[in-house]
Amino acid sequence: METADFEFPPVIYLEETDSTNLELHRRAEAGELINESAVMAGFQTAGHGQSGTGWESEAGRNLTCSLLYAPVLLPAAQSFVVAQMAALSVKRILDRHVLAVAVKWPNDIYWMSDKIGGILIENEIDGNKIARSIIGIGLNLNQQIFRSDAPNPISLSQITGLGYNPKDMLKQLRVEFHQLVGLLESGGQEQIQREYVEAQYRNDGFYPYEDADGRFEAWIRDVESSGHLVLERRNGAVSRYAFKEVHYV
């Protein structure tokens, strides 16, 4: 069963789909959607996270959605700002309910040391510009038991003891994302960049990491607009990493 609200841009609600990212892509290709439209599903039969990993979500209990964003003349080299806006949108709505929410580079949302949400962005490039971004968001709201082998999932309800309406949370999320889009398009990319760096998980000192050469301790010096993580070690050496080149320990 499918329903749609009368918001502008619209939200399409589905009881079940294979993946909200795939559903959004199909509808966008068919010309059914306008910029900042959204698809939300009660359950995904083939929901996935970064690098093809699965995303566990109990039917009807959490927020599983995708947003469509067609940037205005955004160079492909600056595509990471879309990930920044998505992560900050999620963090902002969670900040209204709990403390200690952080963004774990590049696209996970953490509460303390547990993962409460994740983001998967698929960019479509036209020449040297981003034609369209499909932003998939999974946010654990009401789930009480996690059965997968994920090491540290948690839901907002487990933290607060309260229940949350996924549709209401999506509405709040879209408001935050729209505000960040407005900031970006008015020349505020540096402000978005600063907020994203300040929101980083473990940004308050030296922590253990591991790269191809082994383990080391470092602090987060920066996250560049390209998406590279910049770490400074205790001896002052600075290293710059792309996604998957370094891991939190």
C-alpha atoms as a PDB file:
ATOM      1  CA  MET A   1       0.000   0.000   0.000  1.00  0.00           C
ATOM      2  CA  GLU A   2       1.240   3.451  -0.904  1.00  0.00           C
ATOM      3  CA  THR A   3       0.194   6.820   0.446  1.00  0.00           C
ATOM      4  CA  ALA A   4       1.467  10.337  -0.127  1.00  0.00           C
ATOM      5  CA  ASP A   5       1.060  13.461   1.933  1.00  0.00           C
ATOM      6  CA  PHE A   6       0.357  16.945   0.699  1.00  0.00           C
ATOM      7  CA  GLU A   7       3.644  18.456   1.748  1.00  0.00           C
ATOM      8  CA  PHE A   8       5.735  20.205  -0.834  1.00  0.00           C
ATOM      9  CA  PRO A   9       7.937  18.573  -1.922  1.00  0.00           C
ATOM     10  CA  PRO A  10       5.940  15.395  -1.314  1.00  0.00           C
ATOM     11  CA  VAL A  11       6.697  12.323   0.792  1.00  0.00           C
ATOM     12  CA  ILE A  12       5.701   8.897  -0.505  1.00  0.00           C
ATOM     13  CA  TYR A  13       4.979   6.359   2.244  1.00  0.00           C
ATOM     14  CA  LEU A  14       5.291   2.639   1.502  1.00  0.00           C
ATOM     15  CA  GLU A  15       4.558  -0.244   3.831  1.00  0.00           C
ATOM     16  CA  GLU A  16       7.338  -2.237   2.193  1.00  0.00           C
ATOM     17  CA  THR A  17       9.919  -1.879  -0.567  1.00  0.00           C
ATOM     18  CA  ASP A  18      13.218  -3.457  -1.482  1.00  0.00           C
ATOM     19  CA  SER A  19      15.222  -0.316  -0.714  1.00  0.00           C
ATOM     20  CA  THR A  20      14.123   3.298  -0.341  1.00  0.00           C
ATOM     21  CA  ASN A  21      17.199   4.362  -2.314  1.00  0.00           C
ATOM     22  CA  LEU A  22      16.242   2.067  -5.185  1.00  0.00           C
ATOM     23  CA  GLU A  23      12.605   3.146  -4.992  1.00  0.00           C
ATOM     24  CA  LEU A  24      13.576   6.815  -5.066  1.00  0.00           C
ATOM     25  CA  HIS A  25      15.929   6.200  -8.001  1.00  0.00           C
ATOM     26  CA  ARG A  26      13.219   4.434 -10.010  1.00  0.00           C
ATOM     27  CA  ARG A  27      10.708   7.201  -9.423  1.00  0.00           C
ATOM     28  CA  ALA A  28      13.231   9.940 -10.151  1.00  0.00           C
ATOM     29  CA  GLU A  29      14.188   8.228 -13.422  1.00  0.00           C
ATOM     30  CA  ALA A  30      10.502   8.081 -14.335  1.00  0.00           C
ATOM     31  CA  GLY A  31      10.180  11.814 -13.725  1.00  0.00           C
ATOM     32  CA  GLU A  32       7.723  11.383 -10.860  1.00  0.00           C
ATOM     33  CA  LEU A  33       9.629  13.388  -8.236  1.00  0.00           C
ATOM     34  CA  ILE A  34      10.852  16.925  -7.730  1.00  0.00           C
ATOM     35  CA  ASN A  35      13.848  18.149  -5.768  1.00  0.00           C
ATOM     36  CA  GLU A  36      13.791  17.297  -2.028  1.00  0.00           C
ATOM     37  CA  SER A  37      11.039  14.704  -2.424  1.00  0.00           C
ATOM     38  CA  ALA A  38      11.280  11.717  -0.087  1.00  0.00           C
ATOM     39  CA  VAL A  39      10.383   8.047   0.094  1.00  0.00           C
ATOM     40  CA  MET A  40       9.792   6.370   3.443  1.00  0.00           C
ATOM     41  CA  ALA A  41       9.135   2.673   4.033  1.00  0.00           C
ATOM     42  CA  GLY A  42       7.919   0.737   7.024  1.00  0.00           C
ATOM     43  CA  PHE A  43      10.183  -2.134   6.002  1.00  0.00           C
ATOM     44  CA  GLN A  44      12.975  -2.689   3.494  1.00  0.00           C
ATOM     45  CA  THR A  45      13.523  -6.197   2.178  1.00  0.00           C
ATOM     46  CA  ALA A  46      16.958  -5.304   0.797  1.00  0.00           C
ATOM     47  CA  GLY A  47      18.050  -2.317   2.834  1.00  0.00           C
ATOM     48  CA  HIS A  48      21.791  -1.816   2.798  1.00  0.00           C
ATOM     49  CA  GLY A  49      24.479   0.363   4.269  1.00  0.00           C
ATOM     50  CA  GLN A  50      27.894   1.520   3.214  1.00  0.00           C
ATOM     51  CA  SER A  51      29.931  -0.936   1.084  1.00  0.00           C
ATOM     52  CA  GLY A  52      26.950  -3.243   0.677  1.00  0.00           C
ATOM     53  CA  THR A  53      26.530  -4.117   4.351  1.00  0.00           C
ATOM     54  CA  GLY A  54      23.019  -4.908   5.541  1.00  0.00           C
ATOM     55  CA  TRP A  55      20.899  -2.585   7.646  1.00  0.00           C
ATOM     56  CA  GLU A  56      18.755  -4.243  10.303  1.00  0.00           C
ATOM     57  CA  SER A  57      15.452  -2.528  10.965  1.00  0.00           C
ATOM     58  CA  GLU A  58      12.338  -4.043  12.513  1.00  0.00           C
ATOM     59  CA  ALA A  59       9.214  -3.345  10.449  1.00  0.00           C
ATOM     60  CA  GLY A  60       7.422  -0.145  11.417  1.00  0.00           C
ATOM     61  CA  ARG A  61       9.721   0.639  14.327  1.00  0.00           C
ATOM     62  CA  ASN A  62      12.362   2.918  12.852  1.00  0.00           C
ATOM     63  CA  LEU A  63      12.943   5.619  10.275  1.00  0.00           C
ATOM     64  CA  THR A  64      14.040   4.234   6.915  1.00  0.00           C
ATOM     65  CA  CYS A  65      13.864   6.833   4.185  1.00  0.00           C
ATOM     66  CA  SER A  66      15.585   8.412   1.212  1.00  0.00           C
ATOM     67  CA  LEU A  67      15.736  12.051   0.124  1.00  0.00           C
ATOM     68  CA  LEU A  68      16.226  13.359  -3.393  1.00  0.00           C
ATOM     69  CA  TYR A  69      18.555  16.314  -3.790  1.00  0.00           C
ATOM     70  CA  ALA A  70      19.431  17.924  -7.107  1.00  0.00           C
ATOM     71  CA  PRO A  71      22.170  20.446  -6.281  1.00  0.00           C
ATOM     72  CA  VAL A  72      22.435  23.742  -8.103  1.00  0.00           C
ATOM     73  CA  LEU A  73      25.761  23.635  -9.979  1.00  0.00           C
ATOM     74  CA  LEU A  74      27.611  21.724  -7.258  1.00  0.00           C
ATOM     75  CA  PRO A  75      30.970  20.430  -8.565  1.00  0.00           C
ATOM     76  CA  ALA A  76      31.477  16.701  -8.223  1.00  0.00           C
ATOM     77  CA  ALA A  77      34.699  17.400  -6.312  1.00  0.00           C
ATOM     78  CA  GLN A  78      32.583  18.988  -3.563  1.00  0.00           C
ATOM     79  CA  SER A  79      30.084  16.141  -3.301  1.00  0.00           C
ATOM     80  CA  PHE A  80      31.006  15.432   0.322  1.00  0.00           C
ATOM     81  CA  VAL A  81      29.012  18.473   1.412  1.00  0.00           C
ATOM     82  CA  VAL A  82      25.861  16.453   0.663  1.00  0.00           C
ATOM     83  CA  ALA A  83      27.002  13.831   3.177  1.00  0.00           C
ATOM     84  CA  GLN A  84      27.751  16.595   5.669  1.00  0.00           C
ATOM     85  CA  MET A  85      24.276  18.089   5.327  1.00  0.00           C
ATOM     86  CA  ALA A  86      22.610  14.707   5.683  1.00  0.00           C
ATOM     87  CA  ALA A  87      24.609  13.802   8.799  1.00  0.00           C
ATOM     88  CA  LEU A  88      24.028  17.191  10.403  1.00  0.00           C
ATOM     89  CA  SER A  89      20.293  16.979   9.705  1.00  0.00           C
ATOM     90  CA  VAL A  90      20.104  13.700  11.623  1.00  0.00           C
ATOM     91  CA  LYS A  91      22.296  14.970  14.441  1.00  0.00           C
ATOM     92  CA  ARG A  92      20.226  18.123  14.835  1.00  0.00           C
ATOM     93  CA  ILE A  93      16.946  16.265  15.314  1.00  0.00           C
ATOM     94  CA  LEU A  94      18.530  13.813  17.768  1.00  0.00           C
ATOM     95  CA  ASP A  95      20.052  16.695  19.730  1.00  0.00           C
ATOM     96  CA  ARG A  96      16.502  17.686  20.684  1.00  0.00           C
ATOM     97  CA  HIS A  97      16.085  14.412  22.569  1.00  0.00           C
ATOM     98  CA  VAL A  98      19.485  13.321  23.905  1.00  0.00           C
ATOM     99  CA  LEU A  99      22.978  14.599  24.598  1.00  0.00           C
ATOM    100  CA  ALA A 100      26.243  13.155  23.273  1.00  0.00           C
ATOM    101  CA  VAL A 101      25.187  12.613  19.654  1.00  0.00           C
ATOM    102  CA  ALA A 102      28.103  12.668  17.215  1.00  0.00           C
ATOM    103  CA  VAL A 103      28.949  12.002  13.585  1.00  0.00           C
ATOM    104  CA  LYS A 104      31.436   9.182  13.110  1.00  0.00           C
ATOM    105  CA  TRP A 105      33.295   9.940   9.900  1.00  0.00           C
ATOM    106  CA  PRO A 106      32.175   9.691   7.267  1.00  0.00           C
ATOM    107  CA  ASN A 107      28.478   8.888   7.648  1.00  0.00           C
ATOM    108  CA  ASP A 108      27.508   7.077  10.850  1.00  0.00           C
ATOM    109  CA  ILE A 109      25.552   8.663  13.684  1.00  0.00           C
ATOM    110  CA  TYR A 110      26.588   7.716  17.195  1.00  0.00           C
ATOM    111  CA  TRP A 111      25.244   8.170  20.691  1.00  0.00           C
ATOM    112  CA  MET A 112      28.138   7.789  23.100  1.00  0.00           C
ATOM    113  CA  SER A 113      29.921   4.709  21.700  1.00  0.00           C
ATOM    114  CA  ASP A 114      26.858   3.113  20.049  1.00  0.00           C
ATOM    115  CA  LYS A 115      25.525   3.460  16.517  1.00  0.00           C
ATOM    116  CA  ILE A 116      22.049   4.936  16.271  1.00  0.00           C
ATOM    117  CA  GLY A 117      21.940   5.761  12.570  1.00  0.00           C
ATOM    118  CA  GLY A 118      23.632   5.465   9.224  1.00  0.00           C
ATOM    119  CA  ILE A 119      23.602   7.232   5.878  1.00  0.00           C
ATOM    120  CA  LEU A 120      24.201   5.936   2.366  1.00  0.00           C
ATOM    121  CA  ILE A 121      24.558   8.500  -0.426  1.00  0.00           C
ATOM    122  CA  GLU A 122      24.557   7.670  -4.108  1.00  0.00           C
ATOM    123  CA  ASN A 123      25.606  10.547  -6.356  1.00  0.00           C
ATOM    124  CA  GLU A 124      24.875  10.702 -10.053  1.00  0.00           C
ATOM    125  CA  ILE A 125      27.421  12.767 -11.970  1.00  0.00           C
ATOM    126  CA  ASP A 126      26.839  14.771 -15.157  1.00  0.00           C
ATOM    127  CA  GLY A 127      30.175  15.948 -16.529  1.00  0.00           C
ATOM    128  CA  ASN A 128      31.921  17.577 -13.583  1.00  0.00           C
ATOM    129  CA  LYS A 129      28.710  18.387 -11.719  1.00  0.00           C
ATOM    130  CA  ILE A 130      26.407  16.428  -9.420  1.00  0.00           C
ATOM    131  CA  ALA A 131      23.153  15.892 -11.255  1.00  0.00           C
ATOM    132  CA  ARG A 132      21.357  14.154  -8.417  1.00  0.00           C
ATOM    133  CA  SER A 133      22.006  12.742  -4.957  1.00  0.00           C
ATOM    134  CA  ILE A 134      19.951   9.967  -3.405  1.00  0.00           C
ATOM    135  CA  ILE A 135      20.374  10.125   0.353  1.00  0.00           C
ATOM    136  CA  GLY A 136      19.409   6.992   2.250  1.00  0.00           C
ATOM    137  CA  ILE A 137      18.960   7.357   6.006  1.00  0.00           C
ATOM    138  CA  GLY A 138      18.376   4.683   8.611  1.00  0.00           C
ATOM    139  CA  LEU A 139      17.661   5.878  12.135  1.00  0.00           C
ATOM    140  CA  ASN A 140      16.953   3.496  15.027  1.00  0.00           C
ATOM    141  CA  LEU A 141      13.948   4.924  16.835  1.00  0.00           C
ATOM    142  CA  ASN A 142      11.894   2.299  18.642  1.00  0.00           C
ATOM    143  CA  GLN A 143      13.619  -1.054  18.147  1.00  0.00           C
ATOM    144  CA  GLN A 144      14.359  -2.889  21.396  1.00  0.00           C
ATOM    145  CA  ILE A 145      16.178  -6.014  20.208  1.00  0.00           C
ATOM    146  CA  PHE A 146      18.841  -6.183  17.497  1.00  0.00           C
ATOM    147  CA  ARG A 147      19.498  -9.654  16.126  1.00  0.00           C
ATOM    148  CA  SER A 148      22.253  -9.023  13.585  1.00  0.00           C
ATOM    149  CA  ASP A 149      25.962  -9.306  14.304  1.00  0.00           C
ATOM    150  CA  ALA A 150      26.410  -5.518  14.248  1.00  0.00           C
ATOM    151  CA  PRO A 151      28.627  -4.758  17.250  1.00  0.00           C
ATOM    152  CA  ASN A 152      26.961  -1.748  18.841  1.00  0.00           C
ATOM    153  CA  PRO A 153      23.443  -0.779  17.662  1.00  0.00           C
ATOM    154  CA  ILE A 154      21.135   1.273  19.854  1.00  0.00           C
ATOM    155  CA  SER A 155      17.785   3.005  19.407  1.00  0.00           C
ATOM    156  CA  LEU A 156      16.556   6.349  20.633  1.00  0.00           C
ATOM    157  CA  SER A 157      13.856   4.571  22.634  1.00  0.00           C
ATOM    158  CA  GLN A 158      16.454   2.431  24.410  1.00  0.00           C
ATOM    159  CA  ILE A 159      18.215   5.607  25.495  1.00  0.00           C
ATOM    160  CA  THR A 160      15.203   7.622  26.646  1.00  0.00           C
ATOM    161  CA  GLY A 161      12.529   5.022  27.397  1.00  0.00           C
ATOM    162  CA  LEU A 162      10.092   6.894  25.144  1.00  0.00           C
ATOM    163  CA  GLY A 163       8.449   6.113  21.815  1.00  0.00           C
ATOM    164  CA  TYR A 164       8.831   8.086  18.577  1.00  0.00           C
ATOM    165  CA  ASN A 165       6.736   8.550  15.452  1.00  0.00           C
ATOM    166  CA  PRO A 166       8.867   7.874  12.356  1.00  0.00           C
ATOM    167  CA  LYS A 167       6.773  10.174  10.156  1.00  0.00           C
ATOM    168  CA  ASP A 168       7.169  13.057  12.597  1.00  0.00           C
ATOM    169  CA  MET A 169      10.910  12.490  12.752  1.00  0.00           C
ATOM    170  CA  LEU A 170      11.096  12.530   8.957  1.00  0.00           C
ATOM    171  CA  LYS A 171       9.266  15.860   8.856  1.00  0.00           C
ATOM    172  CA  GLN A 172      11.764  17.331  11.308  1.00  0.00           C
ATOM    173  CA  LEU A 173      14.640  15.866   9.318  1.00  0.00           C
ATOM    174  CA  ARG A 174      13.431  17.414   6.078  1.00  0.00           C
ATOM    175  CA  VAL A 175      13.135  20.829   7.688  1.00  0.00           C
ATOM    176  CA  GLU A 176      16.745  20.650   8.891  1.00  0.00           C
ATOM    177  CA  PHE A 177      17.986  19.412   5.524  1.00  0.00           C
ATOM    178  CA  HIS A 178      16.125  22.162   3.671  1.00  0.00           C
ATOM    179  CA  GLN A 179      17.672  24.778   5.948  1.00  0.00           C
ATOM    180  CA  LEU A 180      21.140  23.395   5.251  1.00  0.00           C
ATOM    181  CA  VAL A 181      20.450  23.396   1.513  1.00  0.00           C
ATOM    182  CA  GLY A 182      19.527  27.061   1.793  1.00  0.00           C
ATOM    183  CA  LEU A 183      22.731  27.738   3.706  1.00  0.00           C
ATOM    184  CA  LEU A 184      24.799  25.940   1.066  1.00  0.00           C
ATOM    185  CA  GLU A 185      23.163  27.753  -1.828  1.00  0.00           C
ATOM    186  CA  SER A 186      23.692  31.129  -0.146  1.00  0.00           C
ATOM    187  CA  GLY A 187      27.441  30.556   0.140  1.00  0.00           C
ATOM    188  CA  GLY A 188      27.574  28.917   3.565  1.00  0.00           C
ATOM    189  CA  GLN A 189      29.580  25.801   2.714  1.00  0.00           C
ATOM    190  CA  GLU A 190      32.372  26.732   5.122  1.00  0.00           C
ATOM    191  CA  GLN A 191      29.836  27.048   7.947  1.00  0.00           C
ATOM    192  CA  ILE A 192      28.492  23.576   7.159  1.00  0.00           C
ATOM    193  CA  GLN A 193      32.057  22.283   7.090  1.00  0.00           C
ATOM    194  CA  ARG A 194      32.814  23.749  10.545  1.00  0.00           C
ATOM    195  CA  GLU A 195      29.657  22.331  12.091  1.00  0.00           C
ATOM    196  CA  TYR A 196      30.454  18.907  10.666  1.00  0.00           C
ATOM    197  CA  VAL A 197      34.001  18.923  12.048  1.00  0.00           C
ATOM    198  CA  GLU A 198      32.762  20.074  15.463  1.00  0.00           C
ATOM    199  CA  ALA A 199      30.212  17.235  15.467  1.00  0.00           C
ATOM    200  CA  GLN A 200      32.833  14.517  15.022  1.00  0.00           C
ATOM    201  CA  TYR A 201      32.922  11.434  17.224  1.00  0.00           C
ATOM    202  CA  ARG A 202      36.021  11.365  19.469  1.00  0.00           C
ATOM    203  CA  ASN A 203      36.978  14.939  18.664  1.00  0.00           C
ATOM    204  CA  ASP A 204      38.134  15.784  22.182  1.00  0.00           C
ATOM    205  CA  GLY A 205      41.604  14.261  22.332  1.00  0.00           C
ATOM    206  CA  PHE A 206      43.869  11.436  21.225  1.00  0.00           C
ATOM    207  CA  TYR A 207      42.255   8.102  20.351  1.00  0.00           C
ATOM    208  CA  PRO A 208      43.454   4.844  18.769  1.00  0.00           C
ATOM    209  CA  TYR A 209      43.225   4.296  15.021  1.00  0.00           C
ATOM    210  CA  GLU A 210      44.559   1.716  12.622  1.00  0.00           C
ATOM    211  CA  ASP A 211      45.785   2.083   9.039  1.00  0.00           C
ATOM    212  CA  ALA A 212      47.747  -0.163   6.679  1.00  0.00           C
ATOM    213  CA  ASP A 213      50.876   0.352   8.802  1.00  0.00           C
ATOM    214  CA  GLY A 214      49.291  -0.564  12.129  1.00  0.00           C
ATOM    215  CA  ARG A 215      47.815   1.099  15.194  1.00  0.00           C
ATOM    216  CA  PHE A 216      48.534   4.606  16.372  1.00  0.00           C
ATOM    217  CA  GLU A 217      46.993   7.405  18.454  1.00  0.00           C
ATOM    218  CA  ALA A 218      45.859  10.678  16.946  1.00  0.00           C
ATOM    219  CA  TRP A 219      43.374  13.510  17.220  1.00  0.00           C
ATOM    220  CA  ILE A 220      41.019  14.731  14.517  1.00  0.00           C
ATOM    221  CA  ARG A 221      42.602  17.799  13.032  1.00  0.00           C
ATOM    222  CA  ASP A 222      40.112  18.276  10.200  1.00  0.00           C
ATOM    223  CA  VAL A 223      37.692  16.697   7.776  1.00  0.00           C
ATOM    224  CA  GLU A 224      38.364  18.288   4.407  1.00  0.00           C
ATOM    225  CA  SER A 225      35.670  19.367   1.965  1.00  0.00           C
ATOM    226  CA  SER A 226      36.830  16.450  -0.209  1.00  0.00           C
ATOM    227  CA  GLY A 227      35.809  14.072   2.580  1.00  0.00           C
ATOM    228  CA  HIS A 228      39.354  13.155   3.642  1.00  0.00           C
ATOM    229  CA  LEU A 229      39.964  12.693   7.374  1.00  0.00           C
ATOM    230  CA  VAL A 230      43.048  14.512   8.660  1.00  0.00           C
ATOM    231  CA  LEU A 231      44.654  13.017  11.776  1.00  0.00           C
ATOM    232  CA  GLU A 232      47.577  14.355  13.777  1.00  0.00           C
ATOM    233  CA  ARG A 233      49.642  11.903  15.812  1.00  0.00           C
ATOM    234  CA  ARG A 234      51.294  12.525  19.150  1.00  0.00           C
ATOM    235  CA  ASN A 235      54.628  13.190  17.442  1.00  0.00           C
ATOM    236  CA  GLY A 236      53.048  15.901  15.276  1.00  0.00           C
ATOM    237  CA  ALA A 237      52.932  13.860  12.065  1.00  0.00           C
ATOM    238  CA  VAL A 238      49.837  14.565   9.990  1.00  0.00           C
ATOM    239  CA  SER A 239      48.112  11.932   7.847  1.00  0.00           C
ATOM    240  CA  ARG A 240      45.250  12.332   5.362  1.00  0.00           C
ATOM    241  CA  TYR A 241      42.871   9.444   4.727  1.00  0.00           C
ATOM    242  CA  ALA A 242      40.138   8.556   2.283  1.00  0.00           C
ATOM    243  CA  PHE A 243      37.223   6.362   3.356  1.00  0.00           C
ATOM    244  CA  LYS A 244      38.303   2.824   4.319  1.00  0.00           C
ATOM    245  CA  GLU A 245      41.980   3.797   4.541  1.00  0.00           C
ATOM    246  CA  VAL A 246      41.827   4.190   8.324  1.00  0.00           C
ATOM    247  CA  HIS A 247      39.672   2.635  11.034  1.00  0.00           C
ATOM    248  CA  TYR A 248      38.616   3.661  14.523  1.00  0.00           C
ATOM    249  CA  VAL A 249      39.840   1.189  17.149  1.00  0.00           C
END
